[in-house]
Amino acid sequence: MAKADMASISIQFFNGIDEKVVPQIRLTKSKSGHTGQAFFRFENPHALLSDDFKEIQGMYLLDEEGQITTREIHIAVSKKNGSYKAIEAIYSWRTEKDFNRFMRFANRYAKKYGLLYEGG
């Protein structure tokens, strides 16, 4: 396998526009380990600065293997002033193959941004 091009690893909400804010990511897995979810939270993401942010249709995880897509997106609103403050997304997997693919992306993304895993 070719060495990963770090520039090709990104998360997007709009085609061709990389989200610059690095999200907080939490993982949950079923007891069997075959299904689970990754919860993403982007605080004050650049995507919310776009006039078209209400057109967000999904979150796209891109790397040299291709694209992983989720359509489960929520936009959080500040209770204090009613402004949009965060994007939350959930990627669900139902097979070990899908989980392994997600983890390859997650490891590449973590390496690009110098992220660490915190077990809990």
C-alpha atoms as a PDB file:
ATOM      1  CA  MET A   1       0.000   0.000   0.000  1.00  0.00           C
ATOM      2  CA  ALA A   2       1.245   3.468  -0.867  1.00  0.00           C
ATOM      3  CA  LYS A   3       2.211   5.846   1.892  1.00  0.00           C
ATOM      4  CA  ALA A   4      -0.730   8.081   2.858  1.00  0.00           C
ATOM      5  CA  ASP A   5      -0.752  11.618   1.522  1.00  0.00           C
ATOM      6  CA  MET A   6      -1.621  13.636   4.635  1.00  0.00           C
ATOM      7  CA  ALA A   7      -3.230  16.355   2.501  1.00  0.00           C
ATOM      8  CA  SER A   8      -5.759  13.812   1.205  1.00  0.00           C
ATOM      9  CA  ILE A   9      -7.125  13.065   4.693  1.00  0.00           C
ATOM     10  CA  SER A  10      -9.989  15.367   5.599  1.00  0.00           C
ATOM     11  CA  ILE A  11     -13.503  15.807   6.877  1.00  0.00           C
ATOM     12  CA  GLN A  12     -15.903  17.818   4.742  1.00  0.00           C
ATOM     13  CA  PHE A  13     -19.472  19.088   5.035  1.00  0.00           C
ATOM     14  CA  PHE A  14     -19.380  20.704   1.584  1.00  0.00           C
ATOM     15  CA  ASN A  15     -17.816  18.945  -1.389  1.00  0.00           C
ATOM     16  CA  GLY A  16     -14.222  20.100  -1.864  1.00  0.00           C
ATOM     17  CA  ILE A  17     -14.055  22.242   1.303  1.00  0.00           C
ATOM     18  CA  ASP A  18     -12.089  20.736   4.188  1.00  0.00           C
ATOM     19  CA  GLU A  19     -13.365  21.482   7.694  1.00  0.00           C
ATOM     20  CA  LYS A  20     -10.483  23.082   9.596  1.00  0.00           C
ATOM     21  CA  VAL A  21     -11.895  22.542  13.092  1.00  0.00           C
ATOM     22  CA  VAL A  22     -10.793  19.211  14.550  1.00  0.00           C
ATOM     23  CA  PRO A  23     -13.717  17.461  16.239  1.00  0.00           C
ATOM     24  CA  GLN A  24     -14.022  15.683  19.543  1.00  0.00           C
ATOM     25  CA  ILE A  25     -14.740  12.022  18.683  1.00  0.00           C
ATOM     26  CA  ARG A  26     -16.240   9.352  20.959  1.00  0.00           C
ATOM     27  CA  LEU A  27     -16.691   5.696  20.020  1.00  0.00           C
ATOM     28  CA  THR A  28     -19.173   3.163  21.320  1.00  0.00           C
ATOM     29  CA  LYS A  29     -19.367  -0.521  20.377  1.00  0.00           C
ATOM     30  CA  SER A  30     -21.894  -3.246  21.016  1.00  0.00           C
ATOM     31  CA  LYS A  31     -20.931  -6.107  23.340  1.00  0.00           C
ATOM     32  CA  SER A  32     -20.313  -8.296  20.280  1.00  0.00           C
ATOM     33  CA  GLY A  33     -18.042  -5.589  18.878  1.00  0.00           C
ATOM     34  CA  HIS A  34     -19.576  -5.827  15.424  1.00  0.00           C
ATOM     35  CA  THR A  35     -21.737  -2.698  15.544  1.00  0.00           C
ATOM     36  CA  GLY A  36     -21.181   0.721  16.995  1.00  0.00           C
ATOM     37  CA  GLN A  37     -21.086   4.440  16.493  1.00  0.00           C
ATOM     38  CA  ALA A  38     -18.606   7.283  16.274  1.00  0.00           C
ATOM     39  CA  PHE A  39     -19.922  10.570  17.671  1.00  0.00           C
ATOM     40  CA  PHE A  40     -18.301  13.733  16.269  1.00  0.00           C
ATOM     41  CA  ARG A  41     -18.670  17.222  17.772  1.00  0.00           C
ATOM     42  CA  PHE A  42     -17.216  20.251  16.011  1.00  0.00           C
ATOM     43  CA  GLU A  43     -17.217  23.399  18.182  1.00  0.00           C
ATOM     44  CA  ASN A  44     -17.639  26.572  16.081  1.00  0.00           C
ATOM     45  CA  PRO A  45     -16.781  24.830  12.799  1.00  0.00           C
ATOM     46  CA  HIS A  46     -15.998  26.831   9.683  1.00  0.00           C
ATOM     47  CA  ALA A  47     -18.918  25.143   7.896  1.00  0.00           C
ATOM     48  CA  LEU A  48     -21.307  27.197  10.058  1.00  0.00           C
ATOM     49  CA  LEU A  49     -19.761  30.420   8.713  1.00  0.00           C
ATOM     50  CA  SER A  50     -21.065  29.611   5.238  1.00  0.00           C
ATOM     51  CA  ASP A  51     -24.338  31.208   4.166  1.00  0.00           C
ATOM     52  CA  ASP A  52     -25.262  27.750   2.867  1.00  0.00           C
ATOM     53  CA  PHE A  53     -24.737  25.864   6.141  1.00  0.00           C
ATOM     54  CA  LYS A  54     -28.422  24.886   6.263  1.00  0.00           C
ATOM     55  CA  GLU A  55     -27.750  22.940   3.055  1.00  0.00           C
ATOM     56  CA  ILE A  56     -25.386  20.520   4.832  1.00  0.00           C
ATOM     57  CA  GLN A  57     -26.505  17.062   3.745  1.00  0.00           C
ATOM     58  CA  GLY A  58     -23.880  14.949   5.488  1.00  0.00           C
ATOM     59  CA  MET A  59     -20.340  14.536   6.735  1.00  0.00           C
ATOM     60  CA  TYR A  60     -17.712  13.070   4.430  1.00  0.00           C
ATOM     61  CA  LEU A  61     -14.563  11.384   5.749  1.00  0.00           C
ATOM     62  CA  LEU A  62     -11.968  11.330   2.959  1.00  0.00           C
ATOM     63  CA  ASP A  63      -8.677   9.493   2.624  1.00  0.00           C
ATOM     64  CA  GLU A  64      -6.711   7.541   0.027  1.00  0.00           C
ATOM     65  CA  GLU A  65      -9.172   4.636   0.279  1.00  0.00           C
ATOM     66  CA  GLY A  66     -12.112   6.826  -0.697  1.00  0.00           C
ATOM     67  CA  GLN A  67     -15.025   8.320   1.192  1.00  0.00           C
ATOM     68  CA  ILE A  68     -17.087   7.332   4.230  1.00  0.00           C
ATOM     69  CA  THR A  69     -20.406   9.188   4.417  1.00  0.00           C
ATOM     70  CA  THR A  70     -22.924   9.778   7.168  1.00  0.00           C
ATOM     71  CA  ARG A  71     -26.179  11.683   6.820  1.00  0.00           C
ATOM     72  CA  GLU A  72     -26.882  11.872  10.568  1.00  0.00           C
ATOM     73  CA  ILE A  73     -26.091  15.539  11.242  1.00  0.00           C
ATOM     74  CA  HIS A  74     -27.349  17.885  13.972  1.00  0.00           C
ATOM     75  CA  ILE A  75     -26.590  21.586  14.354  1.00  0.00           C
ATOM     76  CA  ALA A  76     -26.453  22.802  17.957  1.00  0.00           C
ATOM     77  CA  VAL A  77     -27.816  26.217  18.857  1.00  0.00           C
ATOM     78  CA  SER A  78     -26.541  28.310  21.750  1.00  0.00           C
ATOM     79  CA  LYS A  79     -29.235  28.758  24.421  1.00  0.00           C
ATOM     80  CA  LYS A  80     -27.656  32.055  25.410  1.00  0.00           C
ATOM     81  CA  ASN A  81     -28.061  33.982  22.143  1.00  0.00           C
ATOM     82  CA  GLY A  82     -29.618  31.587  19.629  1.00  0.00           C
ATOM     83  CA  SER A  83     -26.517  31.441  17.447  1.00  0.00           C
ATOM     84  CA  TYR A  84     -25.338  28.241  15.792  1.00  0.00           C
ATOM     85  CA  LYS A  85     -22.345  26.911  17.689  1.00  0.00           C
ATOM     86  CA  ALA A  86     -21.610  23.288  16.829  1.00  0.00           C
ATOM     87  CA  ILE A  87     -22.148  20.467  14.404  1.00  0.00           C
ATOM     88  CA  GLU A  88     -22.708  16.973  15.724  1.00  0.00           C
ATOM     89  CA  ALA A  89     -22.541  13.954  13.457  1.00  0.00           C
ATOM     90  CA  ILE A  90     -22.880  10.224  14.034  1.00  0.00           C
ATOM     91  CA  TYR A  91     -21.306   7.532  11.881  1.00  0.00           C
ATOM     92  CA  SER A  92     -22.753   4.061  12.551  1.00  0.00           C
ATOM     93  CA  TRP A  93     -21.203   0.777  11.465  1.00  0.00           C
ATOM     94  CA  ARG A  94     -22.901  -2.589  11.313  1.00  0.00           C
ATOM     95  CA  THR A  95     -20.055  -4.892  10.320  1.00  0.00           C
ATOM     96  CA  GLU A  96     -16.514  -5.499  11.471  1.00  0.00           C
ATOM     97  CA  LYS A  97     -15.341  -4.621   7.956  1.00  0.00           C
ATOM     98  CA  ASP A  98     -17.006  -1.173   8.218  1.00  0.00           C
ATOM     99  CA  PHE A  99     -15.502  -0.656  11.688  1.00  0.00           C
ATOM    100  CA  ASN A 100     -12.020  -1.557  10.447  1.00  0.00           C
ATOM    101  CA  ARG A 101     -12.401   0.839   7.515  1.00  0.00           C
ATOM    102  CA  PHE A 102     -13.493   3.626   9.871  1.00  0.00           C
ATOM    103  CA  MET A 103     -10.557   2.943  12.193  1.00  0.00           C
ATOM    104  CA  ARG A 104      -8.078   3.165   9.308  1.00  0.00           C
ATOM    105  CA  PHE A 105      -9.504   6.603   8.504  1.00  0.00           C
ATOM    106  CA  ALA A 106      -9.497   7.611  12.205  1.00  0.00           C
ATOM    107  CA  ASN A 107      -5.861   6.573  12.655  1.00  0.00           C
ATOM    108  CA  ARG A 108      -4.777   8.527   9.563  1.00  0.00           C
ATOM    109  CA  TYR A 109      -6.756  11.583  10.680  1.00  0.00           C
ATOM    110  CA  ALA A 110      -5.313  11.364  14.204  1.00  0.00           C
ATOM    111  CA  LYS A 111      -1.792  11.118  12.824  1.00  0.00           C
ATOM    112  CA  LYS A 112      -2.321  14.147  10.566  1.00  0.00           C
ATOM    113  CA  TYR A 113      -3.555  16.300  13.469  1.00  0.00           C
ATOM    114  CA  GLY A 114      -1.413  14.841  16.262  1.00  0.00           C
ATOM    115  CA  LEU A 115      -4.417  13.508  18.186  1.00  0.00           C
ATOM    116  CA  LEU A 116      -4.200  11.020  21.030  1.00  0.00           C
ATOM    117  CA  TYR A 117      -6.619   8.331  22.180  1.00  0.00           C
ATOM    118  CA  GLU A 118      -7.961   8.736  25.705  1.00  0.00           C
ATOM    119  CA  GLY A 119      -9.435   5.514  27.052  1.00  0.00           C
ATOM    120  CA  GLY A 120     -12.135   5.773  29.575  1.00  0.00           C
END
